[in-house]
C-alpha atoms as a PDB file:
ATOM      1  CA  MET A   1      12.514 -29.855  20.128  1.00  0.00           C
ATOM      2  CA  GLY A   2      12.762 -28.648  16.496  1.00  0.00           C
ATOM      3  CA  SER A   3      10.722 -26.064  14.949  1.00  0.00           C
ATOM      4  CA  THR A   4       9.692 -26.504  11.395  1.00  0.00           C
ATOM      5  CA  LEU A   5      10.483 -23.618   8.737  1.00  0.00           C
ATOM      6  CA  HIS A   6       7.910 -23.576   5.707  1.00  0.00           C
ATOM      7  CA  GLY A   7       9.030 -21.263   2.800  1.00  0.00           C
ATOM      8  CA  ALA A   8       8.312 -17.473   2.303  1.00  0.00           C
ATOM      9  CA  GLY A   9       7.973 -15.771  -0.660  1.00  0.00           C
ATOM     10  CA  ILE A  10       6.109 -13.639  -2.855  1.00  0.00           C
ATOM     11  CA  ALA A  11       3.198 -15.085  -5.039  1.00  0.00           C
ATOM     12  CA  ALA A  12       2.229 -12.263  -7.059  1.00  0.00           C
ATOM     13  CA  VAL A  13       1.992  -8.506  -7.259  1.00  0.00           C
ATOM     14  CA  GLY A  14      -0.793  -6.390  -8.006  1.00  0.00           C
ATOM     15  CA  PHE A  15      -0.977  -2.215  -8.158  1.00  0.00           C
ATOM     16  CA  TYR A  16      -3.412   0.835  -8.627  1.00  0.00           C
ATOM     17  CA  LEU A  17      -2.145   4.039  -9.656  1.00  0.00           C
ATOM     18  CA  PRO A  18      -4.868   7.151  -9.800  1.00  0.00           C
ATOM     19  CA  ARG A  19      -5.401   8.221 -13.161  1.00  0.00           C
ATOM     20  CA  TYR A  20      -4.272  11.517 -12.615  1.00  0.00           C
ATOM     21  CA  ALA A  21      -0.830  12.537 -12.514  1.00  0.00           C
ATOM     22  CA  ILE A  22       0.757  16.466 -11.893  1.00  0.00           C
ATOM     23  CA  ALA A  23       4.041  16.996 -14.233  1.00  0.00           C
ATOM     24  CA  ALA A  24       7.032  18.454 -11.959  1.00  0.00           C
ATOM     25  CA  GLU A  25       7.112  21.450 -14.011  1.00  0.00           C
ATOM     26  CA  GLU A  26       3.650  22.283 -13.279  1.00  0.00           C
ATOM     27  CA  TYR A  27       4.225  21.370  -9.447  1.00  0.00           C
ATOM     28  CA  ARG A  28       7.064  23.978  -9.339  1.00  0.00           C
ATOM     29  CA  GLN A  29       4.987  26.540 -10.513  1.00  0.00           C
ATOM     30  CA  GLY A  30       2.074  25.947  -8.152  1.00  0.00           C
ATOM     31  CA  SER A  31       4.079  25.290  -5.222  1.00  0.00           C
ATOM     32  CA  GLY A  32       6.889  27.729  -5.505  1.00  0.00           C
ATOM     33  CA  HIS A  33       9.772  25.444  -5.283  1.00  0.00           C
ATOM     34  CA  PRO A  34      11.403  22.598  -7.003  1.00  0.00           C
ATOM     35  CA  ALA A  35      10.124  19.081  -6.625  1.00  0.00           C
ATOM     36  CA  ALA A  36      12.248  16.530  -5.310  1.00  0.00           C
ATOM     37  CA  GLU A  37      15.301  15.605  -7.441  1.00  0.00           C
ATOM     38  CA  GLY A  38      14.549  12.976 -10.804  1.00  0.00           C
ATOM     39  CA  ILE A  39      10.803  13.091 -10.313  1.00  0.00           C
ATOM     40  CA  GLU A  40       9.138  13.795 -13.829  1.00  0.00           C
ATOM     41  CA  GLU A  41       5.710  13.611 -12.471  1.00  0.00           C
ATOM     42  CA  ARG A  42       3.443  12.391  -9.289  1.00  0.00           C
ATOM     43  CA  SER A  43       0.208  10.615  -9.434  1.00  0.00           C
ATOM     44  CA  VAL A  44      -2.567  12.370  -7.769  1.00  0.00           C
ATOM     45  CA  ALA A  45      -5.340  10.671  -5.857  1.00  0.00           C
ATOM     46  CA  GLY A  46      -8.926  11.799  -7.818  1.00  0.00           C
ATOM     47  CA  PHE A  47     -11.744  12.906  -5.484  1.00  0.00           C
ATOM     48  CA  ASP A  48     -13.260   9.402  -5.248  1.00  0.00           C
ATOM     49  CA  GLU A  49      -9.680   7.726  -4.194  1.00  0.00           C
ATOM     50  CA  ASP A  50      -8.072   6.968  -0.878  1.00  0.00           C
ATOM     51  CA  PRO A  51      -5.674   4.669   0.396  1.00  0.00           C
ATOM     52  CA  ILE A  52      -8.781   2.374   1.004  1.00  0.00           C
ATOM     53  CA  THR A  53     -10.349   2.322  -2.641  1.00  0.00           C
ATOM     54  CA  MET A  54      -6.865   2.118  -3.826  1.00  0.00           C
ATOM     55  CA  ALA A  55      -5.984  -0.844  -1.357  1.00  0.00           C
ATOM     56  CA  VAL A  56      -9.020  -2.722  -2.580  1.00  0.00           C
ATOM     57  CA  GLU A  57      -8.271  -2.305  -6.345  1.00  0.00           C
ATOM     58  CA  ALA A  58      -4.628  -3.008  -5.857  1.00  0.00           C
ATOM     59  CA  GLY A  59      -5.804  -6.385  -3.618  1.00  0.00           C
ATOM     60  CA  GLU A  60      -8.266  -7.842  -6.333  1.00  0.00           C
ATOM     61  CA  ARG A  61      -5.302  -7.422  -8.942  1.00  0.00           C
ATOM     62  CA  ALA A  62      -2.966  -9.089  -6.602  1.00  0.00           C
ATOM     63  CA  MET A  63      -5.498 -11.844  -5.685  1.00  0.00           C
ATOM     64  CA  THR A  64      -6.098 -12.418  -9.394  1.00  0.00           C
ATOM     65  CA  ALA A  65      -2.527 -12.763 -10.346  1.00  0.00           C
ATOM     66  CA  ALA A  66      -1.967 -15.299  -7.625  1.00  0.00           C
ATOM     67  CA  ARG A  67      -5.296 -17.043  -8.593  1.00  0.00           C
ATOM     68  CA  ALA A  68      -5.973 -16.988  -4.665  1.00  0.00           C
ATOM     69  CA  ARG A  69      -9.608 -16.665  -3.116  1.00  0.00           C
ATOM     70  CA  ALA A  70      -8.557 -16.400   0.524  1.00  0.00           C
ATOM     71  CA  VAL A  71      -5.414 -15.584   2.618  1.00  0.00           C
ATOM     72  CA  ASP A  72      -4.841 -16.148   6.271  1.00  0.00           C
ATOM     73  CA  VAL A  73      -3.950 -12.519   7.035  1.00  0.00           C
ATOM     74  CA  LEU A  74      -4.357  -9.208   5.348  1.00  0.00           C
ATOM     75  CA  GLU A  75      -1.995  -6.424   6.097  1.00  0.00           C
ATOM     76  CA  ILE A  76      -2.666  -2.736   5.099  1.00  0.00           C
ATOM     77  CA  ALA A  77       0.475  -0.375   5.311  1.00  0.00           C
ATOM     78  CA  THR A  78       0.221   3.135   5.190  1.00  0.00           C
ATOM     79  CA  SER A  79       2.050   6.781   6.573  1.00  0.00           C
ATOM     80  CA  GLY A  80      -1.359   7.788   7.425  1.00  0.00           C
ATOM     81  CA  THR A  81      -3.000   7.270  11.193  1.00  0.00           C
ATOM     82  CA  VAL A  82      -6.485   6.179   9.983  1.00  0.00           C
ATOM     83  CA  GLY A  83      -6.366   2.219   9.527  1.00  0.00           C
ATOM     84  CA  GLY A  84      -8.931   0.404   6.863  1.00  0.00           C
ATOM     85  CA  GLY A  85      -7.737  -3.021   7.000  1.00  0.00           C
ATOM     86  CA  GLY A  86     -11.142  -4.253   8.039  1.00  0.00           C
ATOM     87  CA  LEU A  87     -12.924  -2.419   5.402  1.00  0.00           C
ATOM     88  CA  VAL A  88     -10.649  -3.383   2.768  1.00  0.00           C
ATOM     89  CA  ALA A  89     -10.952  -7.246   3.833  1.00  0.00           C
ATOM     90  CA  GLU A  90     -14.882  -7.022   3.587  1.00  0.00           C
ATOM     91  CA  ALA A  91     -14.315  -5.528   0.081  1.00  0.00           C
ATOM     92  CA  LEU A  92     -12.125  -8.493  -0.788  1.00  0.00           C
ATOM     93  CA  GLY A  93     -14.267 -11.259   0.782  1.00  0.00           C
ATOM     94  CA  LEU A  94     -11.977 -12.069   3.472  1.00  0.00           C
ATOM     95  CA  ASP A  95     -12.565 -12.289   6.900  1.00  0.00           C
ATOM     96  CA  PRO A  96     -12.370  -8.761   8.640  1.00  0.00           C
ATOM     97  CA  ALA A  97     -11.330 -10.696  12.042  1.00  0.00           C
ATOM     98  CA  ASN A  98      -7.783 -11.357   9.964  1.00  0.00           C
ATOM     99  CA  ALA A  99      -7.179  -7.779   8.918  1.00  0.00           C
ATOM    100  CA  ARG A 100      -4.488  -5.738  10.569  1.00  0.00           C
ATOM    101  CA  ASP A 101      -3.337  -1.974  10.198  1.00  0.00           C
ATOM    102  CA  VAL A 102       0.176  -0.783   9.929  1.00  0.00           C
ATOM    103  CA  LEU A 103       0.379   2.767  10.138  1.00  0.00           C
ATOM    104  CA  GLY A 104       1.803   6.199  10.672  1.00  0.00           C
ATOM    105  CA  SER A 105       5.281   5.674   8.751  1.00  0.00           C
ATOM    106  CA  PRO A 106       6.668   6.095   5.412  1.00  0.00           C
ATOM    107  CA  ASP A 107       8.016   2.498   5.964  1.00  0.00           C
ATOM    108  CA  ALA A 108       5.050   0.732   6.946  1.00  0.00           C
ATOM    109  CA  GLY A 109       4.705  -1.084   3.928  1.00  0.00           C
ATOM    110  CA  GLU A 110       8.202  -2.587   4.362  1.00  0.00           C
ATOM    111  CA  THR A 111       7.576  -3.062   7.971  1.00  0.00           C
ATOM    112  CA  ALA A 112       4.224  -5.230   6.906  1.00  0.00           C
ATOM    113  CA  LEU A 113       6.242  -7.053   3.891  1.00  0.00           C
ATOM    114  CA  ALA A 114       9.003  -8.231   6.439  1.00  0.00           C
ATOM    115  CA  GLY A 115       6.576  -9.240   9.281  1.00  0.00           C
ATOM    116  CA  ALA A 116       4.368 -11.090   6.848  1.00  0.00           C
ATOM    117  CA  SER A 117       7.569 -13.034   5.433  1.00  0.00           C
ATOM    118  CA  ASP A 118       8.640 -13.825   9.045  1.00  0.00           C
ATOM    119  CA  VAL A 119       5.044 -15.321   9.989  1.00  0.00           C
ATOM    120  CA  ALA A 120       4.965 -17.245   6.486  1.00  0.00           C
ATOM    121  CA  THR A 121       8.688 -18.640   7.222  1.00  0.00           C
ATOM    122  CA  LYS A 122       7.726 -19.669  11.054  1.00  0.00           C
ATOM    123  CA  GLU A 123       4.169 -20.375  10.526  1.00  0.00           C
ATOM    124  CA  GLY A 124       3.279 -21.066   6.981  1.00  0.00           C
ATOM    125  CA  THR A 125       0.490 -18.492   6.488  1.00  0.00           C
ATOM    126  CA  SER A 126      -0.394 -16.752   3.562  1.00  0.00           C
ATOM    127  CA  THR A 127      -0.525 -12.909   3.833  1.00  0.00           C
ATOM    128  CA  LEU A 128      -1.817 -10.271   1.444  1.00  0.00           C
ATOM    129  CA  VAL A 129       0.073  -7.197   2.165  1.00  0.00           C
ATOM    130  CA  ILE A 130      -1.171  -4.105   0.670  1.00  0.00           C
ATOM    131  CA  ALA A 131       0.860  -0.369   0.976  1.00  0.00           C
ATOM    132  CA  SER A 132      -1.695   2.170   0.086  1.00  0.00           C
ATOM    133  CA  ASP A 133      -1.208   6.174   0.622  1.00  0.00           C
ATOM    134  CA  ALA A 134      -2.789   9.174  -1.031  1.00  0.00           C
ATOM    135  CA  PRO A 135      -0.669  11.697   0.528  1.00  0.00           C
ATOM    136  CA  SER A 136      -2.163  15.290   1.130  1.00  0.00           C
ATOM    137  CA  THR A 137       0.997  17.026   1.999  1.00  0.00           C
ATOM    138  CA  ASP A 138       1.146  21.008   2.223  1.00  0.00           C
ATOM    139  CA  PRO A 139       2.413  22.071  -1.190  1.00  0.00           C
ATOM    140  CA  HIS A 140       4.453  24.321   0.197  1.00  0.00           C
ATOM    141  CA  ALA A 141       6.186  21.672   2.455  1.00  0.00           C
ATOM    142  CA  PRO A 142       9.389  20.402   0.908  1.00  0.00           C
ATOM    143  CA  GLU A 143       8.524  16.751   2.523  1.00  0.00           C
ATOM    144  CA  GLY A 144       6.011  16.217   0.421  1.00  0.00           C
ATOM    145  CA  ASP A 145       7.425  16.279  -3.063  1.00  0.00           C
ATOM    146  CA  PRO A 146       8.517  12.720  -3.964  1.00  0.00           C
ATOM    147  CA  TYR A 147       5.460  11.471  -2.802  1.00  0.00           C
ATOM    148  CA  GLY A 148       2.688  10.249  -5.194  1.00  0.00           C
ATOM    149  CA  ALA A 149      -0.780   8.175  -4.467  1.00  0.00           C
ATOM    150  CA  ALA A 150      -0.705   4.448  -5.411  1.00  0.00           C
ATOM    151  CA  ALA A 151      -1.113   1.016  -3.897  1.00  0.00           C
ATOM    152  CA  VAL A 152       0.877  -2.125  -4.226  1.00  0.00           C
END
């Protein structure tokens, strides 16, 4: 008994960056402590942007770049604790029953991508993986310094 291995890879990439950004110097002045080393600016979500809306934008761009109308699975990854895979699937015209959320870790995107690659290799499925975050940490907490809003 043998197993069939399928190819796995990245067919296309789409991303979304909010139009707003804050320069490191402005951040330093506002928060009272230096931003993370090497960071010149960080993107900031607008009042109408959140991880779900940014994921939809990135997903549309990735599917257009891949010339794909559908995928077998949609995985939405975020460091937050609120999932939105079903909503993103509906917005992209995909089956919400095939949407999964990977939550609660800054490494959620990497986890989702590794899992999708493993499944694609074993089963030949196509997966759209979107990592999306719009951090809203306390500006006085240094752990939030390097993080900006984006989806890819």
